[in-house]
Amino acid sequence: MTGYYDYILGLIPVALVGIAGLLRLVGLPELLAVPAGATVAVGLMVHAMFVNGPVVDRPSEAAANSGVGRVDAD
């Protein structure tokens, strides 16, 4: 099953190479096309790390306080 981060990992090179290549075909100089593609790729990475970042699922506070899974030495 592919998830959000799988799509991001696939889109990073597609954005870098695809957008730079498309801008080169349109006539933009390579000196401007590559940084434009890189900007989009970095934007994807920033979104994946900070906006929709990976989080560790923590048990809810109610489950933590209910004593479930608690081991007593007695």
Foldseek 3Di string as FASTA:
>chain_A
DDDDVNVLVVVLVCLQVVQLVVCVVVPDDSVPSNVVSNVVSVVSVCCDPPVVRDDDDDDDPCVVPPCVVPDDPD
